[in-house]
Amino acid sequence: MASSIPLFVYGTLKRGDVRAPLLEGQRFLGETATVPLYRLFNTGSYPAMVEAQPLALDGVSIRGELWRVDRACLARLDVEEGVDEGLYERRLIELDDGQRAWTYLFLHSIQGMADCGAHWR
């Protein structure tokens, strides 16, 4: 895959979940986790990962999957994740093994949402 991009997914894009088909044709690298700087919340139908410190929360290591995706796939995912609408922001983060990958961080309030712990479902 020419010029593939590392992508960390933690919710409905994971294998077997409802939006996993969006990663069809991309390369699954394995399960992984973030450094312990984030929190995961349940919006009702999908998870919302946020940075912990700006919210005065203790960070945890979020478990998910690492993929290699092409630029066309990443552009489609940006649309699906509502990047232009301000729902999520795609940001480069550090994984617990020292690798860096892009992921989607939730930009809206998490007030009243249930904490998911270290993983979604």
Protein backbone atom coordinates (compact mmCIF):
# COMPACT_ATOMS: atom_id res chain seq x y z
CA MET A 1 0.00 0.00 0.00
CA ALA A 2 1.79 3.10 -1.25
CA SER A 3 2.07 5.94 1.26
CA SER A 4 -0.02 4.17 3.88
CA ILE A 5 -0.94 6.00 7.06
CA PRO A 6 -1.12 4.48 10.57
CA LEU A 7 -4.60 4.75 12.09
CA PHE A 8 -5.71 3.81 15.62
CA VAL A 9 -9.39 2.88 15.90
CA TYR A 10 -11.19 2.23 19.18
CA GLY A 11 -14.90 1.98 18.46
CA THR A 12 -17.32 1.26 15.66
CA LEU A 13 -14.50 1.01 13.08
CA LYS A 14 -12.98 -2.02 14.84
CA ARG A 15 -13.27 -5.43 13.18
CA GLY A 16 -16.73 -6.89 13.64
CA ASP A 17 -18.39 -3.59 14.53
CA VAL A 18 -20.95 -1.68 12.46
CA ARG A 19 -18.57 0.61 10.56
CA ALA A 20 -15.74 -1.91 10.08
CA PRO A 21 -16.60 -2.21 6.34
CA LEU A 22 -15.20 1.30 5.90
CA LEU A 23 -11.74 -0.23 6.44
CA GLU A 24 -12.22 -2.94 3.82
CA GLY A 25 -9.14 -3.26 1.64
CA GLN A 26 -6.90 -1.63 4.27
CA ARG A 27 -4.25 -3.47 6.29
CA PHE A 28 -4.97 -4.59 9.86
CA LEU A 29 -1.73 -4.57 11.91
CA GLY A 30 -3.02 -5.82 15.25
CA GLU A 31 -4.44 -4.84 18.59
CA THR A 32 -2.72 -2.07 20.52
CA ALA A 33 -3.33 0.65 23.09
CA THR A 34 -2.63 4.34 23.56
CA VAL A 35 -0.37 5.88 26.16
CA PRO A 36 -2.49 6.61 29.29
CA LEU A 37 -3.59 10.13 28.36
CA TYR A 38 -7.19 9.59 27.27
CA ARG A 39 -10.70 8.66 28.44
CA LEU A 40 -13.44 6.88 26.54
CA PHE A 41 -17.13 7.72 26.91
CA ASN A 42 -20.35 6.15 25.62
CA THR A 43 -22.44 8.52 23.49
CA GLY A 44 -25.16 5.88 23.18
CA SER A 45 -24.30 4.39 19.79
CA TYR A 46 -20.59 5.05 19.49
CA PRO A 47 -17.63 5.87 21.73
CA ALA A 48 -16.00 9.25 22.23
CA MET A 49 -12.28 9.38 23.06
CA VAL A 50 -11.10 12.61 24.66
CA GLU A 51 -7.86 13.92 26.10
CA ALA A 52 -8.06 13.51 29.87
CA GLN A 53 -5.96 16.37 31.21
CA PRO A 54 -7.81 19.36 29.75
CA LEU A 55 -10.88 17.94 31.50
CA ALA A 56 -9.05 17.37 34.83
CA LEU A 57 -9.51 13.60 34.47
CA ASP A 58 -6.94 10.87 35.02
CA GLY A 59 -5.89 9.33 31.73
CA VAL A 60 -6.10 5.65 30.90
CA SER A 61 -4.62 3.55 28.12
CA ILE A 62 -7.37 3.00 25.54
CA ARG A 63 -7.37 -0.38 23.78
CA GLY A 64 -8.05 -0.59 20.07
CA GLU A 65 -6.66 -1.62 16.71
CA LEU A 66 -3.85 -0.34 14.52
CA TRP A 67 -4.42 -0.17 10.78
CA ARG A 68 -2.51 1.05 7.73
CA VAL A 69 -4.84 3.01 5.48
CA ASP A 70 -4.43 4.85 2.21
CA ARG A 71 -5.14 8.56 1.75
CA ALA A 72 -8.47 7.93 0.01
CA CYS A 73 -9.68 5.82 2.95
CA LEU A 74 -8.54 8.47 5.44
CA ALA A 75 -10.44 11.16 3.52
CA ARG A 76 -13.62 9.00 3.60
CA LEU A 77 -13.16 8.41 7.33
CA ASP A 78 -12.78 12.15 7.95
CA VAL A 79 -16.22 12.62 6.38
CA GLU A 80 -17.73 9.70 8.35
CA GLU A 81 -16.28 11.01 11.62
CA GLY A 82 -17.66 14.50 11.04
CA VAL A 83 -14.28 16.25 11.02
CA ASP A 84 -15.55 19.18 8.91
CA GLU A 85 -18.64 19.48 11.13
CA GLY A 86 -16.52 19.66 14.29
CA LEU A 87 -17.70 16.37 15.81
CA TYR A 88 -14.23 14.77 15.84
CA GLU A 89 -10.71 15.97 15.18
CA ARG A 90 -8.14 13.70 13.55
CA ARG A 91 -4.95 13.92 15.61
CA LEU A 92 -1.59 12.16 15.76
CA ILE A 93 -1.20 10.33 19.08
CA GLU A 94 1.37 8.08 20.73
CA LEU A 95 0.69 4.40 21.30
CA ASP A 96 1.98 2.47 24.31
CA ASP A 97 4.73 0.84 22.21
CA GLY A 98 6.15 4.20 21.11
CA GLN A 99 4.55 4.21 17.65
CA ARG A 100 2.51 7.17 16.53
CA ALA A 101 -0.82 6.91 14.72
CA TRP A 102 -3.71 9.09 13.70
CA THR A 103 -6.99 8.76 15.56
CA TYR A 104 -10.24 10.65 16.05
CA LEU A 105 -10.80 12.67 19.24
CA PHE A 106 -14.29 13.79 20.22
CA LEU A 107 -14.75 17.58 20.37
CA HIS A 108 -18.12 17.94 22.09
CA SER A 109 -19.03 17.81 25.78
CA ILE A 110 -18.93 14.41 27.46
CA GLN A 111 -21.03 15.65 30.39
CA GLY A 112 -23.56 13.01 31.42
CA MET A 113 -21.97 10.26 29.33
CA ALA A 114 -20.94 6.94 30.89
CA ASP A 115 -17.22 6.22 31.13
CA CYS A 116 -16.32 3.13 29.08
CA GLY A 117 -13.06 2.37 30.86
CA ALA A 118 -10.20 1.22 28.63
CA HIS A 119 -12.24 -0.18 25.73
CA TRP A 120 -15.51 0.04 23.81
CA ARG A 121 -17.62 -3.12 24.21
